[in-house]
C-alpha atoms as a PDB file:
ATOM      1  CA  MET A   1      15.850 -76.275  48.719  1.00  0.00           C
ATOM      2  CA  THR A   2      14.664 -73.411  50.926  1.00  0.00           C
ATOM      3  CA  PHE A   3      16.009 -71.119  53.616  1.00  0.00           C
ATOM      4  CA  ASP A   4      13.486 -69.669  56.099  1.00  0.00           C
ATOM      5  CA  GLY A   5      10.792 -70.309  53.490  1.00  0.00           C
ATOM      6  CA  TYR A   6      12.649 -68.705  50.554  1.00  0.00           C
ATOM      7  CA  SER A   7      13.801 -70.808  47.581  1.00  0.00           C
ATOM      8  CA  THR A   8      17.509 -71.015  46.768  1.00  0.00           C
ATOM      9  CA  SER A   9      16.918 -69.613  43.277  1.00  0.00           C
ATOM     10  CA  LEU A  10      15.130 -66.550  44.690  1.00  0.00           C
ATOM     11  CA  LEU A  11      17.903 -65.930  47.200  1.00  0.00           C
ATOM     12  CA  ILE A  12      20.539 -66.193  44.439  1.00  0.00           C
ATOM     13  CA  GLN A  13      18.601 -63.689  42.307  1.00  0.00           C
ATOM     14  CA  LEU A  14      18.348 -61.308  45.255  1.00  0.00           C
ATOM     15  CA  ALA A  15      22.091 -61.645  45.974  1.00  0.00           C
ATOM     16  CA  LEU A  16      22.889 -60.842  42.329  1.00  0.00           C
ATOM     17  CA  GLY A  17      20.522 -57.893  42.537  1.00  0.00           C
ATOM     18  CA  LEU A  18      22.354 -56.619  45.631  1.00  0.00           C
ATOM     19  CA  ILE A  19      25.723 -56.961  43.867  1.00  0.00           C
ATOM     20  CA  ALA A  20      24.427 -55.017  40.857  1.00  0.00           C
ATOM     21  CA  THR A  21      23.022 -52.399  43.217  1.00  0.00           C
ATOM     22  CA  GLY A  22      26.418 -52.079  44.893  1.00  0.00           C
ATOM     23  CA  VAL A  23      28.143 -51.536  41.534  1.00  0.00           C
ATOM     24  CA  VAL A  24      25.737 -48.773  40.495  1.00  0.00           C
ATOM     25  CA  ALA A  25      25.705 -47.188  43.958  1.00  0.00           C
ATOM     26  CA  GLY A  26      29.492 -47.149  44.246  1.00  0.00           C
ATOM     27  CA  ILE A  27      30.019 -45.615  40.816  1.00  0.00           C
ATOM     28  CA  LEU A  28      27.333 -42.980  41.380  1.00  0.00           C
ATOM     29  CA  ALA A  29      28.803 -42.085  44.765  1.00  0.00           C
ATOM     30  CA  GLY A  30      32.108 -41.192  43.154  1.00  0.00           C
ATOM     31  CA  LEU A  31      30.700 -39.874  39.887  1.00  0.00           C
ATOM     32  CA  LEU A  32      28.014 -37.436  41.000  1.00  0.00           C
ATOM     33  CA  GLY A  33      28.581 -37.141  44.729  1.00  0.00           C
ATOM     34  CA  VAL A  34      24.936 -38.075  45.273  1.00  0.00           C
ATOM     35  CA  GLY A  35      25.651 -40.950  47.631  1.00  0.00           C
ATOM     36  CA  GLY A  36      24.916 -44.560  46.792  1.00  0.00           C
ATOM     37  CA  GLY A  37      22.016 -44.609  49.244  1.00  0.00           C
ATOM     38  CA  ILE A  38      19.715 -42.890  46.781  1.00  0.00           C
ATOM     39  CA  VAL A  39      19.927 -46.139  44.770  1.00  0.00           C
ATOM     40  CA  ILE A  40      20.344 -48.630  47.604  1.00  0.00           C
ATOM     41  CA  VAL A  41      17.323 -47.571  49.689  1.00  0.00           C
ATOM     42  CA  PRO A  42      14.577 -48.138  47.072  1.00  0.00           C
ATOM     43  CA  VAL A  43      16.163 -51.416  45.909  1.00  0.00           C
ATOM     44  CA  LEU A  44      16.465 -52.758  49.452  1.00  0.00           C
ATOM     45  CA  PHE A  45      12.898 -51.641  50.171  1.00  0.00           C
ATOM     46  CA  TRP A  46      11.709 -53.571  47.100  1.00  0.00           C
ATOM     47  CA  ILE A  47      13.695 -56.643  48.146  1.00  0.00           C
ATOM     48  CA  MET A  48      12.297 -56.529  51.671  1.00  0.00           C
ATOM     49  CA  THR A  49       8.702 -56.215  50.468  1.00  0.00           C
ATOM     50  CA  THR A  50       9.314 -59.024  47.942  1.00  0.00           C
ATOM     51  CA  LEU A  51      10.279 -61.188  50.919  1.00  0.00           C
ATOM     52  CA  HIS A  52       6.942 -60.191  52.518  1.00  0.00           C
ATOM     53  CA  PHE A  53       8.249 -57.927  55.260  1.00  0.00           C
ATOM     54  CA  ALA A  54       5.793 -55.201  56.273  1.00  0.00           C
ATOM     55  CA  PRO A  55       6.591 -51.669  55.000  1.00  0.00           C
ATOM     56  CA  GLU A  56       6.992 -50.405  58.582  1.00  0.00           C
ATOM     57  CA  ILE A  57       9.901 -52.868  58.922  1.00  0.00           C
ATOM     58  CA  ALA A  58      11.139 -52.841  55.320  1.00  0.00           C
ATOM     59  CA  MET A  59      11.764 -49.101  55.109  1.00  0.00           C
ATOM     60  CA  PRO A  60      13.863 -48.582  58.267  1.00  0.00           C
ATOM     61  CA  ILE A  61      15.804 -51.767  57.403  1.00  0.00           C
ATOM     62  CA  ALA A  62      16.484 -50.359  53.914  1.00  0.00           C
ATOM     63  CA  VAL A  63      17.552 -46.972  55.299  1.00  0.00           C
ATOM     64  CA  ALA A  64      19.785 -48.353  58.074  1.00  0.00           C
ATOM     65  CA  THR A  65      21.435 -50.962  55.837  1.00  0.00           C
ATOM     66  CA  SER A  66      22.037 -48.319  53.189  1.00  0.00           C
ATOM     67  CA  LEU A  67      23.734 -46.100  55.765  1.00  0.00           C
ATOM     68  CA  ILE A  68      26.164 -48.800  56.845  1.00  0.00           C
ATOM     69  CA  THR A  69      27.136 -49.533  53.223  1.00  0.00           C
ATOM     70  CA  ILE A  70      27.848 -45.824  52.744  1.00  0.00           C
ATOM     71  CA  ILE A  71      30.747 -46.056  55.215  1.00  0.00           C
ATOM     72  CA  PRO A  72      33.170 -47.932  52.891  1.00  0.00           C
ATOM     73  CA  THR A  73      31.852 -46.054  49.857  1.00  0.00           C
ATOM     74  CA  SER A  74      32.531 -42.709  51.487  1.00  0.00           C
ATOM     75  CA  ILE A  75      36.008 -43.725  52.613  1.00  0.00           C
ATOM     76  CA  SER A  76      36.943 -44.982  49.163  1.00  0.00           C
ATOM     77  CA  SER A  77      35.437 -42.026  47.313  1.00  0.00           C
ATOM     78  CA  MET A  78      36.906 -39.509  49.779  1.00  0.00           C
ATOM     79  CA  ARG A  79      40.415 -40.927  49.354  1.00  0.00           C
ATOM     80  CA  ALA A  80      40.127 -40.788  45.570  1.00  0.00           C
ATOM     81  CA  HIS A  81      38.905 -37.167  45.588  1.00  0.00           C
ATOM     82  CA  ASN A  82      41.465 -36.139  48.205  1.00  0.00           C
ATOM     83  CA  LYS A  83      44.281 -37.286  45.907  1.00  0.00           C
ATOM     84  CA  ARG A  84      42.965 -34.733  43.406  1.00  0.00           C
ATOM     85  CA  GLY A  85      42.812 -32.000  46.056  1.00  0.00           C
ATOM     86  CA  ALA A  86      39.012 -31.928  45.910  1.00  0.00           C
ATOM     87  CA  VAL A  87      38.236 -32.243  49.654  1.00  0.00           C
ATOM     88  CA  ASP A  88      37.832 -28.914  51.457  1.00  0.00           C
ATOM     89  CA  LYS A  89      39.117 -29.608  54.978  1.00  0.00           C
ATOM     90  CA  SER A  90      38.143 -26.189  56.352  1.00  0.00           C
ATOM     91  CA  LEU A  91      34.520 -26.800  55.373  1.00  0.00           C
ATOM     92  CA  LEU A  92      34.650 -30.224  57.004  1.00  0.00           C
ATOM     93  CA  LYS A  93      35.797 -28.636  60.268  1.00  0.00           C
ATOM     94  CA  LEU A  94      32.950 -26.119  60.073  1.00  0.00           C
ATOM     95  CA  TRP A  95      30.153 -28.473  59.032  1.00  0.00           C
ATOM     96  CA  GLY A  96      31.345 -31.814  60.405  1.00  0.00           C
ATOM     97  CA  PRO A  97      30.181 -31.749  64.047  1.00  0.00           C
ATOM     98  CA  ALA A  98      26.719 -30.425  63.182  1.00  0.00           C
ATOM     99  CA  VAL A  99      26.302 -32.963  60.366  1.00  0.00           C
ATOM    100  CA  ALA A 100      27.174 -35.799  62.751  1.00  0.00           C
ATOM    101  CA  VAL A 101      24.760 -34.564  65.445  1.00  0.00           C
ATOM    102  CA  GLY A 102      21.944 -34.191  62.906  1.00  0.00           C
ATOM    103  CA  ALA A 103      22.563 -37.723  61.602  1.00  0.00           C
ATOM    104  CA  LEU A 104      22.563 -39.220  65.100  1.00  0.00           C
ATOM    105  CA  VAL A 105      19.296 -37.464  65.975  1.00  0.00           C
ATOM    106  CA  GLY A 106      17.752 -38.729  62.728  1.00  0.00           C
ATOM    107  CA  GLY A 107      18.765 -42.304  63.496  1.00  0.00           C
ATOM    108  CA  ILE A 108      17.394 -42.122  67.033  1.00  0.00           C
ATOM    109  CA  LEU A 109      14.109 -40.581  65.880  1.00  0.00           C
ATOM    110  CA  SER A 110      13.564 -43.559  63.563  1.00  0.00           C
ATOM    111  CA  LYS A 111      12.185 -45.185  66.718  1.00  0.00           C
ATOM    112  CA  VAL A 112       9.143 -42.900  66.542  1.00  0.00           C
ATOM    113  CA  ILE A 113       8.932 -42.211  62.785  1.00  0.00           C
ATOM    114  CA  ASP A 114       7.170 -45.158  61.146  1.00  0.00           C
ATOM    115  CA  GLY A 115       7.963 -46.741  57.774  1.00  0.00           C
ATOM    116  CA  GLU A 116       5.318 -44.660  56.009  1.00  0.00           C
ATOM    117  CA  GLY A 117       6.889 -41.485  57.370  1.00  0.00           C
ATOM    118  CA  LEU A 118      10.324 -42.560  56.109  1.00  0.00           C
ATOM    119  CA  LEU A 119       8.819 -43.323  52.690  1.00  0.00           C
ATOM    120  CA  LEU A 120       7.276 -39.853  52.522  1.00  0.00           C
ATOM    121  CA  ILE A 121      10.519 -38.145  53.579  1.00  0.00           C
ATOM    122  CA  PHE A 122      12.531 -40.114  51.016  1.00  0.00           C
ATOM    123  CA  GLY A 123       9.997 -39.647  48.224  1.00  0.00           C
ATOM    124  CA  PHE A 124       9.451 -35.902  48.562  1.00  0.00           C
ATOM    125  CA  ILE A 125      13.119 -35.009  49.034  1.00  0.00           C
ATOM    126  CA  ALA A 126      14.239 -37.341  46.237  1.00  0.00           C
ATOM    127  CA  LEU A 127      11.670 -35.744  43.919  1.00  0.00           C
ATOM    128  CA  ALA A 128      12.930 -32.266  44.827  1.00  0.00           C
ATOM    129  CA  VAL A 129      16.527 -33.363  44.226  1.00  0.00           C
ATOM    130  CA  SER A 130      15.623 -34.822  40.816  1.00  0.00           C
ATOM    131  CA  ILE A 131      13.967 -31.557  39.756  1.00  0.00           C
ATOM    132  CA  ASN A 132      16.985 -29.586  40.928  1.00  0.00           C
ATOM    133  CA  MET A 133      19.333 -31.853  38.967  1.00  0.00           C
ATOM    134  CA  ALA A 134      17.211 -31.547  35.804  1.00  0.00           C
ATOM    135  CA  ILE A 135      17.174 -27.739  35.819  1.00  0.00           C
ATOM    136  CA  PRO A 136      19.810 -26.556  33.305  1.00  0.00           C
ATOM    137  CA  LYS A 137      20.982 -23.654  35.430  1.00  0.00           C
ATOM    138  CA  THR A 138      22.188 -24.216  38.986  1.00  0.00           C
ATOM    139  CA  LEU A 139      20.153 -22.356  41.581  1.00  0.00           C
ATOM    140  CA  VAL A 140      22.426 -19.681  43.055  1.00  0.00           C
ATOM    141  CA  ILE A 141      21.518 -18.021  46.348  1.00  0.00           C
ATOM    142  CA  SER A 142      24.803 -16.257  47.014  1.00  0.00           C
ATOM    143  CA  ASP A 143      28.321 -15.981  45.658  1.00  0.00           C
ATOM    144  CA  ALA A 144      29.735 -17.417  48.900  1.00  0.00           C
ATOM    145  CA  LEU A 145      28.771 -19.473  51.955  1.00  0.00           C
ATOM    146  CA  PRO A 146      27.200 -17.514  54.847  1.00  0.00           C
ATOM    147  CA  LYS A 147      29.785 -15.791  57.029  1.00  0.00           C
ATOM    148  CA  SER A 148      27.962 -16.781  60.210  1.00  0.00           C
ATOM    149  CA  SER A 149      29.259 -20.004  61.774  1.00  0.00           C
ATOM    150  CA  LEU A 150      25.851 -20.508  63.402  1.00  0.00           C
ATOM    151  CA  VAL A 151      24.037 -20.393  60.041  1.00  0.00           C
ATOM    152  CA  ASN A 152      26.546 -22.813  58.541  1.00  0.00           C
ATOM    153  CA  ARG A 153      26.066 -25.240  61.408  1.00  0.00           C
ATOM    154  CA  ALA A 154      22.283 -24.980  61.088  1.00  0.00           C
ATOM    155  CA  ILE A 155      22.539 -25.878  57.395  1.00  0.00           C
ATOM    156  CA  ALA A 156      24.832 -28.806  58.226  1.00  0.00           C
ATOM    157  CA  LEU A 157      22.493 -30.017  60.992  1.00  0.00           C
ATOM    158  CA  VAL A 158      19.526 -30.128  58.602  1.00  0.00           C
ATOM    159  CA  ILE A 159      21.573 -31.946  55.943  1.00  0.00           C
ATOM    160  CA  GLY A 160      22.751 -34.540  58.473  1.00  0.00           C
ATOM    161  CA  PHE A 161      19.266 -35.051  59.903  1.00  0.00           C
ATOM    162  CA  PHE A 162      17.382 -35.632  56.644  1.00  0.00           C
ATOM    163  CA  SER A 163      20.238 -37.565  55.024  1.00  0.00           C
ATOM    164  CA  SER A 164      20.193 -39.994  57.947  1.00  0.00           C
ATOM    165  CA  LEU A 165      16.424 -40.498  57.734  1.00  0.00           C
ATOM    166  CA  MET A 166      16.728 -41.105  53.971  1.00  0.00           C
ATOM    167  CA  GLY A 167      19.674 -43.501  54.281  1.00  0.00           C
ATOM    168  CA  ILE A 168      21.789 -41.409  51.921  1.00  0.00           C
ATOM    169  CA  GLY A 169      25.298 -39.967  51.925  1.00  0.00           C
ATOM    170  CA  GLY A 170      25.993 -36.280  52.163  1.00  0.00           C
ATOM    171  CA  GLY A 171      26.210 -35.619  48.449  1.00  0.00           C
ATOM    172  CA  THR A 172      22.506 -35.747  47.612  1.00  0.00           C
ATOM    173  CA  LEU A 173      21.742 -32.714  49.751  1.00  0.00           C
ATOM    174  CA  SER A 174      25.138 -31.086  50.351  1.00  0.00           C
ATOM    175  CA  VAL A 175      26.252 -30.829  46.701  1.00  0.00           C
ATOM    176  CA  PRO A 176      23.202 -28.812  45.525  1.00  0.00           C
ATOM    177  CA  THR A 177      23.356 -26.756  48.733  1.00  0.00           C
ATOM    178  CA  LEU A 178      27.027 -25.920  48.234  1.00  0.00           C
ATOM    179  CA  SER A 179      26.411 -25.216  44.545  1.00  0.00           C
ATOM    180  CA  ALA A 180      23.694 -22.753  45.524  1.00  0.00           C
ATOM    181  CA  PHE A 181      26.385 -20.829  47.397  1.00  0.00           C
ATOM    182  CA  SER A 182      28.712 -20.896  44.364  1.00  0.00           C
ATOM    183  CA  PHE A 183      31.030 -23.499  45.888  1.00  0.00           C
ATOM    184  CA  PRO A 184      33.288 -25.086  43.204  1.00  0.00           C
ATOM    185  CA  ILE A 185      31.522 -28.216  41.938  1.00  0.00           C
ATOM    186  CA  HIS A 186      34.494 -30.607  42.054  1.00  0.00           C
ATOM    187  CA  LYS A 187      35.274 -29.572  45.641  1.00  0.00           C
ATOM    188  CA  ALA A 188      31.593 -29.880  46.528  1.00  0.00           C
ATOM    189  CA  VAL A 189      31.521 -33.465  45.217  1.00  0.00           C
ATOM    190  CA  GLY A 190      34.803 -34.401  46.893  1.00  0.00           C
ATOM    191  CA  THR A 191      33.895 -32.858  50.231  1.00  0.00           C
ATOM    192  CA  ALA A 192      30.453 -34.502  50.076  1.00  0.00           C
ATOM    193  CA  ALA A 193      32.138 -37.909  50.143  1.00  0.00           C
ATOM    194  CA  ALA A 194      33.710 -37.023  53.495  1.00  0.00           C
ATOM    195  CA  ILE A 195      30.417 -35.599  54.766  1.00  0.00           C
ATOM    196  CA  GLY A 196      28.802 -38.925  53.866  1.00  0.00           C
ATOM    197  CA  LEU A 197      31.035 -40.682  56.366  1.00  0.00           C
ATOM    198  CA  LEU A 198      30.044 -38.202  59.083  1.00  0.00           C
ATOM    199  CA  ILE A 199      26.396 -38.966  58.336  1.00  0.00           C
ATOM    200  CA  ALA A 200      26.658 -42.731  58.025  1.00  0.00           C
ATOM    201  CA  VAL A 201      28.480 -43.615  61.259  1.00  0.00           C
ATOM    202  CA  PRO A 202      26.267 -41.784  63.793  1.00  0.00           C
ATOM    203  CA  GLY A 203      23.155 -42.483  61.696  1.00  0.00           C
ATOM    204  CA  VAL A 204      23.838 -46.230  61.788  1.00  0.00           C
ATOM    205  CA  LEU A 205      24.373 -46.137  65.546  1.00  0.00           C
ATOM    206  CA  GLY A 206      21.020 -44.415  65.969  1.00  0.00           C
ATOM    207  CA  PHE A 207      19.201 -46.961  63.777  1.00  0.00           C
ATOM    208  CA  ILE A 208      20.854 -49.888  65.578  1.00  0.00           C
ATOM    209  CA  TRP A 209      19.653 -48.528  68.923  1.00  0.00           C
ATOM    210  CA  SER A 210      16.160 -47.763  67.605  1.00  0.00           C
ATOM    211  CA  GLY A 211      15.606 -51.214  66.135  1.00  0.00           C
ATOM    212  CA  MET A 212      17.035 -53.440  68.871  1.00  0.00           C
ATOM    213  CA  GLU A 213      13.686 -54.263  70.506  1.00  0.00           C
ATOM    214  CA  VAL A 214      11.551 -54.277  67.347  1.00  0.00           C
ATOM    215  CA  ASP A 215       9.842 -57.562  66.415  1.00  0.00           C
ATOM    216  CA  GLY A 216       9.559 -58.941  62.883  1.00  0.00           C
ATOM    217  CA  ARG A 217      13.025 -57.971  61.662  1.00  0.00           C
ATOM    218  CA  PRO A 218      14.906 -60.178  59.150  1.00  0.00           C
ATOM    219  CA  PRO A 219      17.243 -62.868  60.526  1.00  0.00           C
ATOM    220  CA  LEU A 220      20.773 -61.735  61.448  1.00  0.00           C
ATOM    221  CA  SER A 221      19.753 -58.092  61.824  1.00  0.00           C
ATOM    222  CA  LEU A 222      21.589 -55.726  64.163  1.00  0.00           C
ATOM    223  CA  GLY A 223      18.903 -53.276  65.157  1.00  0.00           C
ATOM    224  CA  TYR A 224      17.533 -52.113  61.824  1.00  0.00           C
ATOM    225  CA  VAL A 225      20.713 -53.111  59.943  1.00  0.00           C
ATOM    226  CA  SER A 226      20.458 -56.256  57.769  1.00  0.00           C
ATOM    227  CA  VAL A 227      23.922 -57.747  58.205  1.00  0.00           C
ATOM    228  CA  PRO A 228      23.721 -60.202  55.230  1.00  0.00           C
ATOM    229  CA  ALA A 229      22.662 -57.448  52.817  1.00  0.00           C
ATOM    230  CA  ALA A 230      25.399 -55.153  54.110  1.00  0.00           C
ATOM    231  CA  ILE A 231      28.022 -57.884  53.675  1.00  0.00           C
ATOM    232  CA  VAL A 232      27.022 -58.389  50.035  1.00  0.00           C
ATOM    233  CA  ILE A 233      26.995 -54.680  49.148  1.00  0.00           C
ATOM    234  CA  PHE A 234      30.026 -53.597  51.259  1.00  0.00           C
ATOM    235  CA  PRO A 235      32.938 -54.766  49.067  1.00  0.00           C
ATOM    236  CA  VAL A 236      31.264 -53.921  45.768  1.00  0.00           C
ATOM    237  CA  THR A 237      30.596 -50.278  46.617  1.00  0.00           C
ATOM    238  CA  PHE A 238      34.098 -49.893  48.060  1.00  0.00           C
ATOM    239  CA  LEU A 239      35.726 -51.144  44.860  1.00  0.00           C
ATOM    240  CA  CYS A 240      33.489 -49.185  42.480  1.00  0.00           C
ATOM    241  CA  ALA A 241      33.541 -45.728  44.108  1.00  0.00           C
ATOM    242  CA  PRO A 242      37.039 -44.839  42.768  1.00  0.00           C
ATOM    243  CA  ILE A 243      35.862 -45.705  39.247  1.00  0.00           C
ATOM    244  CA  GLY A 244      33.116 -43.097  39.567  1.00  0.00           C
ATOM    245  CA  ALA A 245      35.523 -40.550  41.026  1.00  0.00           C
ATOM    246  CA  GLY A 246      37.823 -41.010  38.041  1.00  0.00           C
ATOM    247  CA  LEU A 247      34.972 -40.699  35.557  1.00  0.00           C
ATOM    248  CA  ALA A 248      33.729 -37.523  37.263  1.00  0.00           C
ATOM    249  CA  HIS A 249      36.702 -35.624  35.875  1.00  0.00           C
ATOM    250  CA  SER A 250      36.274 -36.802  32.280  1.00  0.00           C
ATOM    251  CA  LEU A 251      32.571 -37.242  31.435  1.00  0.00           C
ATOM    252  CA  ASN A 252      29.930 -34.661  30.543  1.00  0.00           C
ATOM    253  CA  GLN A 253      28.220 -33.980  33.865  1.00  0.00           C
ATOM    254  CA  ARG A 254      25.149 -32.387  32.286  1.00  0.00           C
ATOM    255  CA  TYR A 255      23.986 -35.508  30.459  1.00  0.00           C
ATOM    256  CA  LEU A 256      24.778 -37.703  33.436  1.00  0.00           C
ATOM    257  CA  LYS A 257      22.735 -35.509  35.760  1.00  0.00           C
ATOM    258  CA  LEU A 258      19.764 -35.498  33.378  1.00  0.00           C
ATOM    259  CA  ALA A 259      19.746 -39.281  33.140  1.00  0.00           C
ATOM    260  CA  PHE A 260      20.025 -39.652  36.888  1.00  0.00           C
ATOM    261  CA  ALA A 261      17.319 -37.019  37.480  1.00  0.00           C
ATOM    262  CA  VAL A 262      14.863 -39.070  35.401  1.00  0.00           C
ATOM    263  CA  PHE A 263      15.759 -42.264  37.273  1.00  0.00           C
ATOM    264  CA  LEU A 264      15.422 -40.485  40.613  1.00  0.00           C
ATOM    265  CA  ALA A 265      12.048 -38.944  39.742  1.00  0.00           C
ATOM    266  CA  ILE A 266      10.626 -42.339  38.774  1.00  0.00           C
ATOM    267  CA  THR A 267      11.993 -43.874  41.979  1.00  0.00           C
ATOM    268  CA  ALA A 268      10.574 -41.052  44.113  1.00  0.00           C
ATOM    269  CA  VAL A 269       7.107 -41.386  42.593  1.00  0.00           C
ATOM    270  CA  LYS A 270       7.114 -45.151  43.214  1.00  0.00           C
ATOM    271  CA  MET A 271       8.180 -44.642  46.837  1.00  0.00           C
ATOM    272  CA  LEU A 272       5.444 -42.036  47.381  1.00  0.00           C
ATOM    273  CA  SER A 273       2.830 -44.299  45.819  1.00  0.00           C
ATOM    274  CA  SER A 274       3.848 -47.007  48.302  1.00  0.00           C
ATOM    275  CA  ALA A 275       3.236 -44.575  51.162  1.00  0.00           C
ATOM    276  CA  PHE A 276      -0.221 -43.401  50.046  1.00  0.00           C
END
């Protein structure tokens, strides 16, 4: 039995792979504040290329679909962290609008940035993040966030822009950035979950608009968003994010970060090799 040329057994394997991806992504979103997208994007890209979609289609589909799955993950993780008082609402007010604008611009610009460009952006930034996570001592720039509102908004704009183009939540870039300004780590992780929501919603809207007229997309796609893949991953990430948030307050973060840094470095290298 086949569906659009794909065997039933292959589709079942891919569905199971998406469920497993959702479990890992949801737990990591709550556990490390890195955002499930850092896992979802490379897996979705692999799945799309396995189904013989061209990289220039596979990568924006992976990024956009990852962004839409971040919405329930961020909500779930944010609620769990907020119960522990780990969401800094004043920082959200300061950074939020600029993060959202940056994410929307990133989504819209996906219309002119090809799949290879998205691969390069993801690969290089993911590699930098993995190195930062592996370094024993956190890079510290200052003992406090900049006093200038303009500087803060510029930082938030950049985080929103690149996070959107990578299909990741706010944690991957905002947590190390906040840590560099001596922001308390638990509040950085908790606030990053809320930032992820501000990235995902406008980013998704931008990718939907950018992909509406593109040929060669998978069936049942909304712009660059693969609706079937999103439906499979949605509930799993939502249910698993609170588990990660709970574990974040009890496990040794150092060993977890080292393990994830290795995984991320390997993933980044594979993504870069696909681009070159």
